Amino acid sequence: MLKRLQQKWGVSGSQFIIILCVFAITGTSTAWITKVITAWVGFTDDTFWLWKLLLRLAMLIFGYQAILLMVAFLFGQFPFFWRYEKKILKWMGIKVEGVRQKAEGGNQQFQISNLKSQMVRIAIFASGAGSNAQQIINHFRRHPSIAVALIASNKPTAGVLDIAEKENIPSVIIEKERFFRGDSYINELKSKNIQWIILAGFLWKVPVSLIKAFPGRIINIHPALLPKYGGKGMYGHFVHEAVIAAKEKESGITIHYVDEQFDHGKPVLQATCPVTDTDTPETLAKKIQVLEHKHYPEVIAQLINTNVGM
């Protein structure tokens, strides 16, 4: 059961242990603080039971959540817990994003949101730190007709979700069961008027149902010259290690449409860089990243502008 929970959260074994410690410390601390407050306000065994119940409920609903975030912060797990706390706040009817928008200038934010609702809205799917996602966001920040409207990740602790929060872009954490055997988040994407899906380091295979829902409107970038070094398990350093081991003289990127197979859809653009005898997977990764940051946002804009109205 614990293993399944770790997989659902998408965290490493060591981080999973730290998260369990946060829960344990929070529970113990909340019980102790509740006892202290009960004594401080003068509650005794003779106190009307309803007052004691209300105090305990207040500590459970509000005190526990606050203590949880403080303990999470001390253990370096604040981003993980804050994402789940936002869900709880939303369930309680507290709109975190709405409050944030008002604090930054409600009227101006409303005008920007209203303008973006008339634009081509794209969703970025990513599993990692999100360097490509950040470049795409930067490229379309003031674009007249294209807006990044959603960030989606299959890992609750992915750095790309921190980027989403910093950029005030709505985000969603993709759960495996729903993605592959449920509605594939199609209804949620449609409700947000998403028209294009951009994969930027997204490590899961895209379900056929999602491909059919967005025909010709899902694109991916791969850190090699396909069809070489593509397919299941070929991502990140695994690709660069394979390229160097094969003593290739060049590598590069492939931007392509997504179909039912890994790294198989129709290519849109390939760009190359030399591979030298002194290259390591790390140095090659940096060369590839330069190509990704340069070409991917431009190709996305060209594809969308070419297909507008189709």
Protein backbone atom coordinates (compact mmCIF):
# COMPACT_ATOMS: atom_id res chain seq x y z
CA MET A 1 0.00 0.00 0.00
CA LEU A 2 2.83 2.41 0.87
CA LYS A 3 4.53 1.61 -2.44
CA ARG A 4 1.37 2.46 -4.36
CA LEU A 5 1.05 5.70 -2.42
CA GLN A 6 4.64 6.61 -3.27
CA GLN A 7 3.97 5.95 -6.95
CA LYS A 8 0.78 8.03 -6.87
CA TRP A 9 2.65 10.98 -5.36
CA GLY A 10 5.49 10.52 -7.85
CA VAL A 11 8.28 10.93 -5.26
CA SER A 12 11.52 9.13 -4.49
CA GLY A 13 11.89 6.71 -1.59
CA SER A 14 13.80 9.18 0.56
CA GLN A 15 11.31 11.98 -0.07
CA PHE A 16 8.43 9.61 0.70
CA ILE A 17 9.95 8.90 4.13
CA ILE A 18 10.36 12.64 4.80
CA ILE A 19 6.71 13.24 3.83
CA LEU A 20 5.56 10.55 6.26
CA CYS A 21 7.69 12.17 8.98
CA VAL A 22 6.01 15.52 8.27
CA PHE A 23 2.59 13.94 8.74
CA ALA A 24 3.67 12.22 11.95
CA ILE A 25 5.22 15.33 13.50
CA THR A 26 2.23 17.44 12.49
CA GLY A 27 -0.23 15.03 14.08
CA THR A 28 1.72 14.86 17.33
CA SER A 29 2.23 18.63 17.43
CA THR A 30 -1.44 19.34 16.77
CA ALA A 31 -2.53 17.04 19.61
CA TRP A 32 -0.07 18.66 22.03
CA ILE A 33 -1.03 22.22 21.04
CA THR A 34 -4.74 21.37 21.35
CA LYS A 35 -4.11 20.11 24.86
CA VAL A 36 -2.21 23.30 25.77
CA ILE A 37 -4.95 25.56 24.35
CA THR A 38 -7.64 23.54 26.15
CA ALA A 39 -5.87 24.12 29.47
CA TRP A 40 -5.18 27.80 28.66
CA VAL A 41 -8.86 28.62 28.02
CA GLY A 42 -9.81 26.82 31.20
CA PHE A 43 -11.66 23.80 29.83
CA THR A 44 -12.14 20.98 32.33
CA ASP A 45 -13.98 17.69 32.43
CA ASP A 46 -17.09 19.62 33.45
CA THR A 47 -16.97 21.97 30.45
CA PHE A 48 -19.93 21.60 28.08
CA TRP A 49 -18.95 18.96 25.51
CA LEU A 50 -19.94 21.11 22.51
CA TRP A 51 -17.35 23.80 23.32
CA LYS A 52 -14.60 21.19 23.52
CA LEU A 53 -15.77 19.65 20.25
CA LEU A 54 -15.75 23.03 18.50
CA LEU A 55 -12.22 23.71 19.73
CA ARG A 56 -10.99 20.36 18.46
CA LEU A 57 -12.71 20.89 15.09
CA ALA A 58 -11.13 24.33 14.76
CA MET A 59 -7.70 22.86 15.44
CA LEU A 60 -8.33 20.05 12.96
CA ILE A 61 -9.64 22.26 10.17
CA PHE A 62 -7.38 25.28 10.58
CA GLY A 63 -4.63 24.56 13.09
CA TYR A 64 -3.58 21.25 11.57
CA GLN A 65 -3.28 22.75 8.07
CA ALA A 66 -1.15 25.66 9.30
CA ILE A 67 1.10 23.40 11.36
CA LEU A 68 1.41 20.99 8.43
CA LEU A 69 2.73 23.75 6.15
CA MET A 70 5.15 25.01 8.80
CA VAL A 71 6.58 21.54 9.40
CA ALA A 72 6.71 20.90 5.64
CA PHE A 73 8.66 24.14 5.19
CA LEU A 74 11.21 23.09 7.83
CA PHE A 75 11.70 19.75 6.07
CA GLY A 76 11.94 21.31 2.60
CA GLN A 77 8.61 19.87 1.44
CA PHE A 78 6.49 23.02 1.26
CA PRO A 79 5.84 22.87 -2.54
CA PHE A 80 4.53 19.29 -2.27
CA PHE A 81 2.13 20.01 0.60
CA TRP A 82 1.04 23.43 -0.66
CA ARG A 83 -0.36 21.92 -3.85
CA TYR A 84 -2.60 19.63 -1.82
CA GLU A 85 -3.51 22.40 0.62
CA LYS A 86 -4.78 24.49 -2.29
CA LYS A 87 -7.16 21.66 -3.17
CA ILE A 88 -8.45 21.64 0.41
CA LEU A 89 -8.90 25.42 0.36
CA LYS A 90 -10.79 25.15 -2.91
CA TRP A 91 -13.04 22.45 -1.40
CA MET A 92 -13.71 24.83 1.51
CA GLY A 93 -14.76 27.52 -0.97
CA ILE A 94 -11.61 29.64 -0.62
CA LYS A 95 -10.41 30.68 -4.06
CA VAL A 96 -6.65 31.04 -3.72
CA GLU A 97 -6.11 32.29 -7.25
CA GLY A 98 -8.93 34.80 -6.92
CA VAL A 99 -7.41 36.26 -3.77
CA ARG A 100 -4.04 36.44 -5.44
CA GLN A 101 -5.43 38.23 -8.45
CA LYS A 102 -7.15 40.84 -6.29
CA ALA A 103 -3.93 41.48 -4.42
CA GLU A 104 -2.14 42.12 -7.72
CA GLY A 105 -4.82 44.41 -9.06
CA GLY A 106 -8.19 42.87 -9.70
CA ASN A 107 -9.38 45.02 -12.55
CA GLN A 108 -6.17 44.73 -14.56
CA GLN A 109 -6.04 40.95 -14.04
CA PHE A 110 -9.65 40.64 -15.18
CA GLN A 111 -8.90 42.54 -18.37
CA ILE A 112 -5.88 40.35 -19.10
CA SER A 113 -7.86 37.15 -18.42
CA ASN A 114 -10.71 38.37 -20.61
CA LEU A 115 -8.29 39.11 -23.44
CA LYS A 116 -6.62 35.70 -23.14
CA SER A 117 -9.97 33.95 -23.34
CA GLN A 118 -10.21 35.14 -26.96
CA MET A 119 -6.74 33.82 -27.84
CA VAL A 120 -5.44 30.42 -28.91
CA ARG A 121 -4.90 28.72 -25.57
CA ILE A 122 -2.18 26.10 -25.15
CA ALA A 123 -1.44 23.62 -22.39
CA ILE A 124 2.11 22.56 -21.57
CA PHE A 125 2.62 18.98 -20.33
CA ALA A 126 5.91 18.42 -18.49
CA SER A 127 7.41 16.01 -15.96
CA GLY A 128 10.55 17.79 -14.82
CA ALA A 129 12.14 21.12 -13.98
CA GLY A 130 10.45 22.88 -16.87
CA SER A 131 13.25 24.78 -18.63
CA ASN A 132 11.51 24.39 -22.00
CA ALA A 133 8.19 25.33 -20.44
CA GLN A 134 9.74 28.54 -19.09
CA GLN A 135 11.08 29.45 -22.53
CA ILE A 136 7.66 28.85 -24.09
CA ILE A 137 6.00 31.00 -21.42
CA ASN A 138 8.54 33.77 -21.99
CA HIS A 139 8.01 33.62 -25.75
CA PHE A 140 4.22 33.96 -25.53
CA ARG A 141 4.08 36.29 -22.53
CA ARG A 142 2.98 39.26 -24.65
CA HIS A 143 1.96 37.42 -27.79
CA PRO A 144 -1.07 39.01 -29.48
CA SER A 145 -2.89 35.77 -30.26
CA ILE A 146 -1.41 32.83 -28.31
CA ALA A 147 -1.40 32.28 -24.53
CA VAL A 148 -0.12 29.57 -22.21
CA ALA A 149 -3.31 28.77 -20.30
CA LEU A 150 -2.44 25.61 -18.36
CA ILE A 151 0.52 23.65 -17.00
CA ALA A 152 0.02 19.91 -16.47
CA SER A 153 2.42 17.49 -14.81
CA ASN A 154 2.34 13.86 -13.76
CA LYS A 155 4.67 14.56 -10.81
CA PRO A 156 3.39 16.58 -7.82
CA THR A 157 6.92 17.77 -7.03
CA ALA A 158 7.96 18.70 -10.57
CA GLY A 159 9.72 22.04 -10.85
CA VAL A 160 7.43 23.03 -13.71
CA LEU A 161 4.58 23.39 -11.18
CA ASP A 162 6.64 25.95 -9.28
CA ILE A 163 7.03 27.84 -12.56
CA ALA A 164 3.25 27.71 -13.04
CA GLU A 165 2.69 29.18 -9.59
CA LYS A 166 5.32 31.88 -10.11
CA GLU A 167 3.81 32.82 -13.48
CA ASN A 168 0.24 32.69 -12.10
CA ILE A 169 -0.74 30.03 -14.65
CA PRO A 170 -3.34 27.42 -13.61
CA SER A 171 -1.91 23.94 -13.15
CA VAL A 172 -3.17 20.39 -12.83
CA ILE A 173 -1.50 17.25 -11.47
CA ILE A 174 -2.23 14.29 -13.74
CA GLU A 175 -3.15 11.05 -11.99
CA LYS A 176 -2.16 7.86 -13.80
CA GLU A 177 -5.43 5.97 -13.47
CA ARG A 178 -7.55 8.81 -14.77
CA PHE A 179 -5.07 9.65 -17.53
CA PHE A 180 -4.86 6.16 -19.03
CA ARG A 181 -8.16 4.55 -18.04
CA GLY A 182 -10.42 7.48 -17.27
CA ASP A 183 -11.36 10.55 -19.28
CA SER A 184 -7.68 11.45 -19.96
CA TYR A 185 -8.52 14.96 -18.64
CA ILE A 186 -10.20 15.76 -21.95
CA ASN A 187 -13.22 17.36 -20.28
CA GLU A 188 -11.01 19.51 -18.10
CA LEU A 189 -8.91 20.63 -21.07
CA LYS A 190 -12.02 21.40 -23.11
CA SER A 191 -13.58 23.34 -20.21
CA LYS A 192 -10.50 25.57 -20.18
CA ASN A 193 -10.79 26.01 -23.95
CA ILE A 194 -7.39 24.44 -24.59
CA GLN A 195 -6.73 24.15 -28.32
CA TRP A 196 -3.15 22.86 -28.44
CA ILE A 197 -1.12 20.54 -26.20
CA ILE A 198 2.63 21.06 -26.06
CA LEU A 199 4.77 18.28 -24.60
CA ALA A 200 7.93 19.66 -23.00
CA GLY A 201 9.70 16.79 -21.28
CA PHE A 202 6.51 14.84 -20.56
CA LEU A 203 7.53 11.22 -19.91
CA TRP A 204 4.22 9.38 -20.24
CA LYS A 205 2.82 8.09 -23.51
CA VAL A 206 -0.20 10.11 -24.60
CA PRO A 207 -3.44 8.07 -24.61
CA VAL A 208 -5.15 7.47 -27.93
CA SER A 209 -8.33 9.13 -26.65
CA LEU A 210 -6.43 12.38 -26.03
CA ILE A 211 -4.80 12.25 -29.46
CA LYS A 212 -8.22 11.82 -31.06
CA ALA A 213 -9.61 14.72 -29.03
CA PHE A 214 -6.83 17.02 -30.30
CA PRO A 215 -6.09 15.71 -33.82
CA GLY A 216 -2.96 17.31 -35.26
CA ARG A 217 -2.73 19.63 -32.25
CA ILE A 218 -0.31 17.80 -29.95
CA ILE A 219 3.41 18.28 -30.54
CA ASN A 220 6.51 17.02 -28.80
CA ILE A 221 10.24 17.75 -28.76
CA HIS A 222 12.78 14.93 -28.54
CA PRO A 223 16.48 15.43 -27.69
CA ALA A 224 17.83 13.38 -30.63
CA LEU A 225 17.56 13.06 -34.38
CA LEU A 226 14.64 10.69 -34.79
CA PRO A 227 14.08 7.95 -35.77
CA LYS A 228 17.39 7.23 -34.00
CA TYR A 229 17.41 7.10 -30.20
CA GLY A 230 13.67 7.32 -29.73
CA GLY A 231 11.06 5.13 -28.12
CA LYS A 232 10.13 4.02 -24.64
CA GLY A 233 12.77 4.79 -22.02
CA MET A 234 14.75 7.07 -24.33
CA TYR A 235 14.69 10.45 -22.64
CA GLY A 236 17.12 12.88 -21.03
CA HIS A 237 20.56 11.50 -20.19
CA PHE A 238 19.64 8.03 -21.52
CA VAL A 239 19.50 9.52 -25.02
CA HIS A 240 22.78 11.41 -24.69
CA GLU A 241 24.56 8.38 -23.24
CA ALA A 242 23.38 6.27 -26.17
CA VAL A 243 24.47 8.86 -28.74
CA ILE A 244 27.96 9.10 -27.24
CA ALA A 245 28.30 5.34 -26.85
CA ALA A 246 27.49 4.93 -30.56
CA LYS A 247 30.23 7.49 -31.40
CA GLU A 248 27.83 9.65 -33.40
CA LYS A 249 29.32 12.76 -34.95
CA GLU A 250 26.16 14.81 -34.54
CA SER A 251 22.99 14.90 -32.50
CA GLY A 252 20.18 17.39 -32.18
CA ILE A 253 16.46 17.82 -31.65
CA THR A 254 13.32 16.65 -33.41
CA ILE A 255 10.03 18.52 -33.11
CA HIS A 256 7.18 16.30 -34.26
CA TYR A 257 3.45 15.67 -34.09
CA VAL A 258 2.34 13.08 -31.55
CA ASP A 259 0.72 9.84 -32.65
CA GLU A 260 -0.05 6.51 -30.97
CA GLN A 261 3.61 5.47 -30.73
CA PHE A 262 6.52 6.88 -28.73
CA ASP A 263 8.53 9.48 -30.71
CA HIS A 264 6.94 8.41 -33.98
CA GLY A 265 4.72 11.20 -35.32
CA LYS A 266 5.36 13.28 -38.41
CA PRO A 267 8.49 15.44 -37.94
CA VAL A 268 8.18 19.21 -38.18
CA LEU A 269 11.77 20.33 -37.68
CA GLN A 270 15.19 18.91 -36.91
CA ALA A 271 18.20 20.94 -35.80
CA THR A 272 21.68 19.53 -35.28
CA CYS A 273 24.78 20.10 -33.19
CA PRO A 274 28.22 18.41 -33.38
CA VAL A 275 29.23 15.65 -30.99
CA THR A 276 32.96 15.76 -30.21
CA ASP A 277 35.25 13.12 -28.73
CA THR A 278 35.40 15.10 -25.49
CA ASP A 279 31.64 15.39 -25.05
CA THR A 280 29.95 13.83 -22.03
CA PRO A 281 26.19 13.30 -21.57
CA GLU A 282 26.19 16.51 -19.50
CA THR A 283 27.96 18.68 -22.11
CA LEU A 284 25.85 17.23 -24.92
CA ALA A 285 22.70 17.93 -22.90
CA LYS A 286 23.68 21.60 -22.71
CA LYS A 287 24.14 21.78 -26.50
CA ILE A 288 20.75 20.14 -27.01
CA GLN A 289 19.09 22.51 -24.55
CA VAL A 290 20.34 25.52 -26.52
CA LEU A 291 18.65 24.12 -29.63
CA GLU A 292 15.44 23.38 -27.73
CA HIS A 293 15.17 26.86 -26.27
CA LYS A 294 15.91 28.49 -29.63
CA HIS A 295 13.61 26.50 -31.89
CA TYR A 296 10.70 25.07 -29.90
CA PRO A 297 8.79 28.29 -29.08
CA GLU A 298 9.22 29.54 -32.66
CA VAL A 299 7.95 26.29 -34.18
CA ILE A 300 4.96 26.25 -31.83
CA ALA A 301 4.02 29.76 -32.96
CA GLN A 302 4.43 28.86 -36.65
CA LEU A 303 2.30 25.70 -36.38
CA ILE A 304 -0.49 27.44 -34.51
CA ASN A 305 -0.55 30.47 -36.82
CA THR A 306 -0.57 28.19 -39.86
CA ASN A 307 -3.53 26.19 -38.51
CA VAL A 308 -5.65 29.06 -37.17
CA GLY A 309 -9.19 28.72 -38.48
CA MET A 310 -8.66 25.19 -39.77
